[in-house]
Amino acid sequence: MSTAQGTERPVNRAVDLDELFAGATDVVGREQLVEKIRAGKRLIVKHGVDPTARDLHLGYAVCYQAMRRFQDAGHTVVLLIGDFTSRIGDPTGKDKTRPQLTPEQIEDNIASMLRQVDRVLDVETLVIRRNSEWLGQMDLADFLRLGTRLSAARLWERDMFQRRLQDGAAVYVHEFLYPILQGYDSWALQADITINGTDQLFNELMGREIQGIFDQSPQAIMTMPLLPGTDGVEKMSQSLGNSIGLASPPEDQYGKVLSIPDALMPSYFQLATRLSMREVDALLAELAAGALGPMAAKMRLAREIVTQYHSAADAQAAEERFIQVHRERAVPDDVPEFALAAADLPLWICEAMKRVGLVASTSEAIRAIRGGGLQVDGERVDDKDLRLTAPGSYLLQKGKRHFARLHIS
């Protein structure tokens, strides 16, 4: 995998722009960017990520899918590893200071991440850089000179800083400087466009401002939606237990995709697969017309995702396994559904069974567990003290014929 310069391929001037920008919430500076594309300029496409986690999930891959389209069109895609900025911690969307990572944690996370990005990106053309290359060498006097040309009032506009001040919480100087450092990355790379989640818009606008200070053509900013997790409520996050990992086993990926709410299918088809807009539109039209059932559509979605991150053979095997288990369980189509708030977590399994009406009392639930008659998602419950700890959908079963589906969000 390249760490400096990827292999170039011809630039496609006639690329379908709707496909190139598919799924984007907005493209700031689109007109100037399109002029560069039509003129045949090889764009420098930046995506920065701080290595704060070891494992990647489909939420991360929303941006990677967009980056891959630019790669396929012949542009230079730079995966910028924020090994320097991760020592600070991005305050974006956080109402408290992020914990700082040790150098050892950062390096471990980077190694793990780089073993997973090739599931989406073309590693032959990918350029990988670290922002410690320039931020680690920056002279304090140079940084102070840059500060004389940036307004502090602009930085105080950040809504999470305002919330903290209103709540009497601290805003630390190192967090205040984070957008400047991220913006400096864009200047250092001479980025033509940066691709990131909508939560990074403020930081990336700072990049345009800093590029302008140094008389560099301001980058375009392509913002991508934040993919909801399997609970259908919060954005996908490992800490919330609602994520689908890129490196998760095929059966695990397949099953978790099938667990998402039906309403999320359009977003997942558009943002989490390599299907073209035309293919996605055709699928959604069939779904809306009733020509394609929700379960069949979700199984198609699961096959697409498992095929991308594993193989077509793995997707087929995962589907066959699901059908086999589903039939063995004889799960009826009209399973009653119940909803609870995440505030009820952790939820004792006996209490969960009472809440959905599968047992009348705690003692009945305990007897059923001891007799091997209770299951959660097809797995027998042997521990009477089991707690459901994460948001999500759970198929609860008593005996062979009594089912309930519990949604916790």
Protein backbone atom coordinates (compact mmCIF):
# COMPACT_ATOMS: atom_id res chain seq x y z
CA MET A 1 0.00 0.00 0.00
CA SER A 2 1.43 3.34 -1.00
CA THR A 3 2.45 5.81 1.68
CA ALA A 4 3.38 8.69 -0.58
CA GLN A 5 2.28 8.56 -4.20
CA GLY A 6 -0.29 6.29 -5.80
CA THR A 7 -0.30 4.98 -9.38
CA GLU A 8 -1.94 7.44 -11.75
CA ARG A 9 -4.58 6.55 -14.33
CA PRO A 10 -6.16 8.71 -17.06
CA VAL A 11 -8.60 11.38 -15.86
CA ASN A 12 -12.17 10.95 -17.10
CA ARG A 13 -13.37 14.43 -18.11
CA ALA A 14 -16.77 13.11 -19.18
CA VAL A 15 -17.57 11.40 -15.89
CA ASP A 16 -21.24 11.43 -14.91
CA LEU A 17 -21.28 14.17 -12.27
CA ASP A 18 -24.53 12.96 -10.72
CA GLU A 19 -22.89 9.57 -10.10
CA LEU A 20 -19.67 11.21 -8.90
CA PHE A 21 -21.55 13.25 -6.28
CA ALA A 22 -24.13 10.55 -5.52
CA GLY A 23 -25.49 10.64 -1.99
CA ALA A 24 -23.83 13.96 -1.09
CA THR A 25 -25.75 16.28 1.20
CA ASP A 26 -24.00 19.27 -0.41
CA VAL A 27 -20.96 20.17 -2.50
CA VAL A 28 -19.58 23.56 -1.45
CA GLY A 29 -17.73 25.16 -4.39
CA ARG A 30 -19.25 22.71 -6.87
CA GLU A 31 -19.16 25.09 -9.86
CA GLN A 32 -15.41 25.69 -9.61
CA LEU A 33 -14.80 21.99 -9.04
CA VAL A 34 -16.75 21.02 -12.15
CA GLU A 35 -14.68 23.48 -14.18
CA LYS A 36 -11.51 21.73 -13.01
CA ILE A 37 -12.95 18.30 -13.89
CA ARG A 38 -14.06 19.38 -17.37
CA ALA A 39 -10.65 20.94 -17.97
CA GLY A 40 -9.04 17.56 -17.30
CA LYS A 41 -7.28 18.51 -14.04
CA ARG A 42 -6.26 15.60 -11.88
CA LEU A 43 -7.93 16.53 -8.61
CA ILE A 44 -6.36 16.03 -5.21
CA VAL A 45 -9.18 14.49 -3.21
CA LYS A 46 -8.63 14.57 0.55
CA HIS A 47 -10.30 12.59 3.28
CA GLY A 48 -8.93 12.99 6.77
CA VAL A 49 -9.56 10.61 9.61
CA ASP A 50 -8.17 10.58 13.13
CA PRO A 51 -7.19 7.03 14.16
CA THR A 52 -9.38 6.97 17.26
CA ALA A 53 -10.71 3.42 16.68
CA ARG A 54 -9.22 0.10 15.58
CA ASP A 55 -12.19 -1.15 13.59
CA LEU A 56 -14.08 0.46 10.72
CA HIS A 57 -17.79 0.14 10.06
CA LEU A 58 -20.24 1.02 7.28
CA GLY A 59 -20.56 4.55 8.65
CA TYR A 60 -16.91 5.23 7.82
CA ALA A 61 -17.34 3.59 4.42
CA VAL A 62 -19.93 6.16 3.29
CA CYS A 63 -17.03 8.53 2.56
CA TYR A 64 -14.86 5.71 1.23
CA GLN A 65 -17.52 4.80 -1.35
CA ALA A 66 -17.48 8.41 -2.58
CA MET A 67 -13.67 8.46 -2.63
CA ARG A 68 -13.65 5.27 -4.72
CA ARG A 69 -15.73 6.96 -7.42
CA PHE A 70 -13.13 9.71 -7.69
CA GLN A 71 -10.40 7.07 -7.87
CA ASP A 72 -12.23 5.30 -10.69
CA ALA A 73 -12.50 8.65 -12.52
CA GLY A 74 -8.69 8.98 -12.44
CA HIS A 75 -8.22 11.48 -9.62
CA THR A 76 -5.66 11.32 -6.81
CA VAL A 77 -7.31 10.28 -3.57
CA VAL A 78 -5.37 11.00 -0.39
CA LEU A 79 -6.26 9.20 2.82
CA LEU A 80 -4.92 11.58 5.43
CA ILE A 81 -4.21 9.92 8.76
CA GLY A 82 -4.50 12.46 11.57
CA ASP A 83 -1.76 10.99 13.71
CA PHE A 84 -0.92 14.49 14.98
CA THR A 85 -4.47 15.83 15.42
CA SER A 86 -5.58 12.63 17.15
CA ARG A 87 -3.29 13.63 20.01
CA ILE A 88 -5.67 16.57 20.49
CA GLY A 89 -9.04 14.96 19.84
CA ASP A 90 -11.64 16.42 17.49
CA PRO A 91 -14.31 18.20 19.58
CA THR A 92 -16.87 17.90 16.77
CA GLY A 93 -20.26 16.89 18.12
CA LYS A 94 -18.90 16.32 21.60
CA ASP A 95 -20.21 18.04 24.70
CA LYS A 96 -17.15 16.97 26.65
CA THR A 97 -13.45 16.76 25.92
CA ARG A 98 -12.33 13.64 24.04
CA PRO A 99 -9.80 11.46 25.85
CA GLN A 100 -6.31 11.83 24.43
CA LEU A 101 -4.63 8.76 22.96
CA THR A 102 -1.12 7.56 23.62
CA PRO A 103 1.34 7.26 20.68
CA GLU A 104 1.13 3.46 21.03
CA GLN A 105 -2.68 3.48 20.79
CA ILE A 106 -2.53 5.73 17.74
CA GLU A 107 -0.08 3.47 15.90
CA ASP A 108 -2.09 0.36 16.76
CA ASN A 109 -5.27 1.96 15.47
CA ILE A 110 -3.57 3.11 12.24
CA ALA A 111 -2.26 -0.38 11.48
CA SER A 112 -5.70 -1.88 12.05
CA MET A 113 -7.48 0.74 9.92
CA LEU A 114 -5.11 0.30 6.99
CA ARG A 115 -5.81 -3.42 6.95
CA GLN A 116 -9.48 -2.64 6.32
CA VAL A 117 -9.66 0.29 3.88
CA ASP A 118 -8.71 -1.93 0.95
CA ARG A 119 -12.17 -3.48 1.22
CA VAL A 120 -13.46 -0.28 -0.42
CA LEU A 121 -10.58 1.75 -1.85
CA ASP A 122 -8.19 0.90 -4.68
CA VAL A 123 -4.90 0.57 -2.81
CA GLU A 124 -2.89 0.70 -6.06
CA THR A 125 -3.80 4.34 -6.60
CA LEU A 126 -4.38 5.39 -2.99
CA VAL A 127 -2.03 7.94 -1.45
CA ILE A 128 -1.60 7.73 2.31
CA ARG A 129 -0.22 10.67 4.26
CA ARG A 130 0.09 11.62 7.93
CA ASN A 131 -0.45 15.17 9.12
CA SER A 132 2.49 14.87 11.51
CA GLU A 133 4.60 15.36 8.36
CA TRP A 134 3.87 19.09 8.47
CA LEU A 135 2.14 19.77 11.79
CA GLY A 136 4.90 18.02 13.68
CA GLN A 137 7.46 20.26 12.00
CA MET A 138 5.53 23.51 12.26
CA ASP A 139 7.44 26.39 13.83
CA LEU A 140 5.57 28.14 16.66
CA ALA A 141 6.31 31.53 15.10
CA ASP A 142 4.70 30.38 11.82
CA PHE A 143 1.63 29.18 13.68
CA LEU A 144 1.32 32.47 15.53
CA ARG A 145 1.59 34.40 12.25
CA LEU A 146 -1.25 32.29 10.86
CA GLY A 147 -3.26 33.10 13.98
CA THR A 148 -2.98 36.83 13.29
CA ARG A 149 -5.05 36.31 10.12
CA LEU A 150 -7.86 34.21 11.62
CA SER A 151 -10.77 35.56 13.63
CA ALA A 152 -11.40 34.06 17.07
CA ALA A 153 -15.06 34.99 16.69
CA ARG A 154 -15.26 32.55 13.77
CA LEU A 155 -14.11 29.71 16.00
CA TRP A 156 -16.51 30.59 18.80
CA GLU A 157 -19.40 30.04 16.36
CA ARG A 158 -19.13 26.28 16.90
CA ASP A 159 -22.39 25.10 18.44
CA MET A 160 -20.79 22.51 20.71
CA PHE A 161 -18.59 25.20 22.26
CA GLN A 162 -21.63 27.37 22.83
CA ARG A 163 -23.45 24.47 24.51
CA ARG A 164 -20.53 23.80 26.80
CA LEU A 165 -20.33 27.45 27.85
CA GLN A 166 -24.06 27.53 28.55
CA ASP A 167 -23.71 24.37 30.65
CA GLY A 168 -20.73 25.77 32.53
CA ALA A 169 -18.38 23.16 31.02
CA ALA A 170 -14.82 23.88 29.94
CA VAL A 171 -13.58 24.56 26.42
CA TYR A 172 -9.87 23.88 26.34
CA VAL A 173 -7.38 25.77 24.17
CA HIS A 174 -6.19 22.65 22.34
CA GLU A 175 -9.79 21.96 21.19
CA PHE A 176 -10.18 25.56 20.10
CA LEU A 177 -7.18 25.15 17.80
CA TYR A 178 -8.31 21.87 16.23
CA PRO A 179 -10.20 23.40 13.25
CA ILE A 180 -7.13 25.48 12.39
CA LEU A 181 -4.93 22.39 12.27
CA GLN A 182 -7.47 20.49 10.16
CA GLY A 183 -7.76 23.46 7.83
CA TYR A 184 -3.97 23.63 7.56
CA ASP A 185 -4.01 20.02 6.31
CA SER A 186 -5.97 21.11 3.24
CA TRP A 187 -3.40 23.80 2.44
CA ALA A 188 -0.47 21.40 2.98
CA LEU A 189 -1.99 18.86 0.56
CA GLN A 190 -3.23 21.52 -1.91
CA ALA A 191 -6.59 19.77 -1.80
CA ASP A 192 -9.05 20.45 -4.61
CA ILE A 193 -11.86 18.74 -2.76
CA THR A 194 -12.32 17.19 0.65
CA ILE A 195 -14.89 14.49 1.34
CA ASN A 196 -16.21 14.11 4.87
CA GLY A 197 -19.32 13.74 6.98
CA THR A 198 -21.73 16.61 7.51
CA ASP A 199 -20.41 16.96 11.07
CA GLN A 200 -17.04 18.08 9.66
CA LEU A 201 -18.32 21.01 7.61
CA PHE A 202 -17.11 23.67 10.06
CA ASN A 203 -13.59 22.24 10.15
CA GLU A 204 -13.41 21.91 6.36
CA LEU A 205 -14.65 25.48 5.82
CA MET A 206 -11.65 26.54 7.88
CA GLY A 207 -9.55 24.77 5.25
CA ARG A 208 -11.02 26.98 2.53
CA GLU A 209 -10.26 30.03 4.64
CA ILE A 210 -6.64 29.07 5.24
CA GLN A 211 -6.11 28.15 1.59
CA GLY A 212 -7.39 31.62 0.68
CA ILE A 213 -4.93 33.24 3.11
CA PHE A 214 -2.08 31.53 1.24
CA ASP A 215 -3.54 32.39 -2.21
CA GLN A 216 -4.37 28.77 -2.93
CA SER A 217 -7.51 27.77 -4.81
CA PRO A 218 -10.06 26.91 -2.07
CA GLN A 219 -11.08 23.29 -1.87
CA ALA A 220 -14.58 22.13 -2.63
CA ILE A 221 -16.28 20.33 0.26
CA MET A 222 -18.41 17.27 -0.40
CA THR A 223 -20.40 16.45 2.72
CA MET A 224 -21.85 12.96 3.12
CA PRO A 225 -24.76 12.01 5.41
CA LEU A 226 -24.10 10.25 8.69
CA LEU A 227 -25.34 6.68 8.29
CA PRO A 228 -27.84 5.62 10.98
CA GLY A 229 -26.95 2.46 12.86
CA THR A 230 -28.94 -0.76 13.04
CA ASP A 231 -31.20 0.78 15.69
CA GLY A 232 -32.44 3.30 13.12
CA VAL A 233 -32.02 6.19 15.56
CA GLU A 234 -28.42 7.12 16.35
CA LYS A 235 -25.58 7.43 13.85
CA MET A 236 -23.60 4.23 13.46
CA SER A 237 -21.13 3.87 16.31
CA GLN A 238 -19.25 1.00 17.92
CA SER A 239 -19.78 2.52 21.35
CA LEU A 240 -23.57 2.44 20.85
CA GLY A 241 -23.54 -1.18 19.72
CA ASN A 242 -25.38 -0.37 16.47
CA SER A 243 -22.56 -0.79 13.96
CA ILE A 244 -21.83 -3.22 11.13
CA GLY A 245 -18.08 -3.79 10.90
CA LEU A 246 -16.24 -3.91 7.57
CA ALA A 247 -14.21 -6.87 8.81
CA SER A 248 -17.09 -8.64 10.58
CA PRO A 249 -17.72 -12.26 9.51
CA PRO A 250 -20.12 -12.69 6.54
CA GLU A 251 -22.96 -14.20 8.60
CA ASP A 252 -22.68 -11.40 11.15
CA GLN A 253 -22.79 -8.71 8.45
CA TYR A 254 -25.69 -10.39 6.70
CA GLY A 255 -27.74 -10.79 9.86
CA LYS A 256 -27.14 -7.23 11.04
CA VAL A 257 -28.17 -5.77 7.68
CA LEU A 258 -31.41 -7.73 7.89
CA SER A 259 -32.01 -6.26 11.35
CA ILE A 260 -32.16 -2.63 10.18
CA PRO A 261 -35.57 -0.93 10.06
CA ASP A 262 -37.21 -1.02 6.63
CA ALA A 263 -37.17 2.78 6.48
CA LEU A 264 -33.36 2.75 6.33
CA MET A 265 -33.14 0.69 3.16
CA PRO A 266 -33.01 3.65 0.74
CA SER A 267 -30.11 5.21 2.67
CA TYR A 268 -28.22 1.94 2.91
CA PHE A 269 -28.67 1.11 -0.79
CA GLN A 270 -27.43 4.56 -1.76
CA LEU A 271 -24.65 5.06 0.77
CA ALA A 272 -23.42 1.59 1.71
CA THR A 273 -23.28 -0.23 -1.65
CA ARG A 274 -21.55 0.19 -5.00
CA LEU A 275 -24.82 0.11 -6.92
CA SER A 276 -25.28 2.97 -9.37
CA MET A 277 -27.99 5.60 -8.86
CA ARG A 278 -29.95 4.03 -11.72
CA GLU A 279 -29.84 0.61 -10.07
CA VAL A 280 -30.81 2.02 -6.68
CA ASP A 281 -33.68 4.03 -8.16
CA ALA A 282 -34.98 0.93 -9.96
CA LEU A 283 -34.87 -1.16 -6.78
CA LEU A 284 -36.62 1.49 -4.72
CA ALA A 285 -39.29 1.92 -7.40
CA GLU A 286 -40.00 -1.83 -7.31
CA LEU A 287 -40.16 -1.69 -3.52
CA ALA A 288 -42.58 1.25 -3.54
CA ALA A 289 -44.80 -0.45 -6.15
CA GLY A 290 -44.94 -3.68 -4.18
CA ALA A 291 -43.18 -5.64 -6.91
CA LEU A 292 -40.35 -6.28 -4.47
CA GLY A 293 -41.13 -7.17 -0.87
CA PRO A 294 -39.28 -5.57 2.06
CA MET A 295 -37.60 -8.83 3.08
CA ALA A 296 -36.48 -9.61 -0.47
CA ALA A 297 -35.11 -6.08 -0.82
CA LYS A 298 -33.27 -6.34 2.48
CA MET A 299 -31.79 -9.69 1.47
CA ARG A 300 -30.57 -8.10 -1.76
CA LEU A 301 -29.00 -5.31 0.30
CA ALA A 302 -27.32 -7.81 2.61
CA ARG A 303 -25.92 -9.74 -0.39
CA GLU A 304 -24.49 -6.57 -1.90
CA ILE A 305 -22.74 -5.59 1.32
CA VAL A 306 -21.34 -9.03 2.14
CA THR A 307 -20.16 -9.47 -1.45
CA GLN A 308 -18.25 -6.19 -1.32
CA TYR A 309 -16.51 -6.86 1.97
CA HIS A 310 -16.02 -10.61 1.49
CA SER A 311 -17.13 -12.36 -1.71
CA ALA A 312 -20.19 -13.44 -3.68
CA ALA A 313 -19.66 -17.00 -2.42
CA ASP A 314 -19.62 -15.77 1.19
CA ALA A 315 -22.80 -13.77 0.59
CA GLN A 316 -24.54 -16.80 -0.89
CA ALA A 317 -23.45 -19.01 2.02
CA ALA A 318 -24.59 -16.43 4.58
CA GLU A 319 -27.99 -16.17 2.90
CA GLU A 320 -28.42 -19.94 2.73
CA ARG A 321 -27.53 -20.19 6.39
CA PHE A 322 -30.06 -17.47 7.28
CA ILE A 323 -32.82 -19.20 5.30
CA GLN A 324 -32.00 -22.54 6.90
CA VAL A 325 -32.04 -21.15 10.43
CA HIS A 326 -35.13 -19.03 9.73
CA ARG A 327 -37.06 -22.05 8.48
CA GLU A 328 -35.90 -24.22 11.36
CA ARG A 329 -37.12 -21.64 13.82
CA ALA A 330 -40.44 -21.43 11.94
CA VAL A 331 -40.69 -17.74 12.77
CA PRO A 332 -44.17 -16.50 11.76
CA ASP A 333 -44.59 -13.42 9.61
CA ASP A 334 -46.87 -11.66 12.09
CA VAL A 335 -44.60 -11.58 15.13
CA PRO A 336 -45.93 -8.95 17.60
CA GLU A 337 -43.55 -6.01 18.00
CA PHE A 338 -42.77 -3.96 21.08
CA ALA A 339 -40.65 -0.86 21.61
CA LEU A 340 -38.68 0.33 24.61
CA ALA A 341 -36.38 3.28 25.18
CA ALA A 342 -32.63 2.81 25.54
CA ALA A 343 -33.04 4.35 29.01
CA ASP A 344 -34.38 0.95 30.11
CA LEU A 345 -30.99 -0.65 29.45
CA PRO A 346 -29.52 -2.81 30.82
CA LEU A 347 -32.71 -4.88 30.72
CA TRP A 348 -32.96 -8.16 32.64
CA ILE A 349 -34.03 -10.98 30.33
CA CYS A 350 -36.81 -12.04 32.70
CA GLU A 351 -38.17 -8.49 32.71
CA ALA A 352 -37.92 -8.34 28.91
CA MET A 353 -39.97 -11.52 28.59
CA LYS A 354 -42.62 -10.08 30.90
CA ARG A 355 -42.72 -6.78 29.02
CA VAL A 356 -43.57 -8.53 25.73
CA GLY A 357 -46.09 -10.89 27.32
CA LEU A 358 -44.21 -14.17 26.78
CA VAL A 359 -44.37 -14.93 30.51
CA ALA A 360 -46.68 -13.77 33.26
CA SER A 361 -44.11 -13.60 36.02
CA THR A 362 -40.43 -13.64 36.85
CA SER A 363 -40.69 -17.11 38.31
CA GLU A 364 -42.23 -18.40 35.07
CA ALA A 365 -39.36 -16.87 33.10
CA ILE A 366 -36.79 -18.48 35.37
CA ARG A 367 -38.49 -21.88 35.04
CA ALA A 368 -38.51 -21.52 31.26
CA ILE A 369 -34.79 -20.67 31.25
CA ARG A 370 -33.95 -23.65 33.45
CA GLY A 371 -35.94 -25.86 31.09
CA GLY A 372 -34.13 -24.50 28.03
CA GLY A 373 -37.28 -22.92 26.65
CA LEU A 374 -36.23 -19.29 26.17
CA GLN A 375 -34.25 -17.96 23.19
CA VAL A 376 -32.91 -14.58 22.07
CA ASP A 377 -32.20 -14.30 18.33
CA GLY A 378 -32.24 -18.07 18.05
CA GLU A 379 -29.76 -18.66 20.86
CA ARG A 380 -30.91 -20.50 23.95
CA VAL A 381 -30.74 -18.50 27.17
CA ASP A 382 -28.99 -20.46 29.92
CA ASP A 383 -28.21 -17.59 32.27
CA LYS A 384 -31.18 -16.31 34.27
CA ASP A 385 -29.19 -13.13 35.04
CA LEU A 386 -28.63 -12.24 31.35
CA ARG A 387 -29.02 -8.52 30.57
CA LEU A 388 -29.73 -6.90 27.19
CA THR A 389 -27.19 -4.06 27.17
CA ALA A 390 -27.24 -2.53 23.67
CA PRO A 391 -29.92 -0.82 21.56
CA GLY A 392 -31.22 -2.92 18.67
CA SER A 393 -33.88 -5.43 17.66
CA TYR A 394 -34.20 -8.72 19.53
CA LEU A 395 -36.27 -11.75 18.54
CA LEU A 396 -37.53 -13.27 21.78
CA GLN A 397 -38.93 -16.80 21.80
CA LYS A 398 -40.58 -19.07 24.35
CA GLY A 399 -40.92 -22.67 23.34
CA LYS A 400 -41.45 -23.44 19.68
CA ARG A 401 -44.44 -21.24 18.88
CA HIS A 402 -44.39 -18.06 20.96
CA PHE A 403 -42.46 -15.07 19.57
CA ALA A 404 -42.10 -11.34 20.09
CA ARG A 405 -39.76 -8.78 18.58
CA LEU A 406 -38.41 -6.16 20.95
CA HIS A 407 -36.99 -2.89 19.53
CA ILE A 408 -34.84 -0.91 21.94
CA SER A 409 -33.76 2.56 20.76
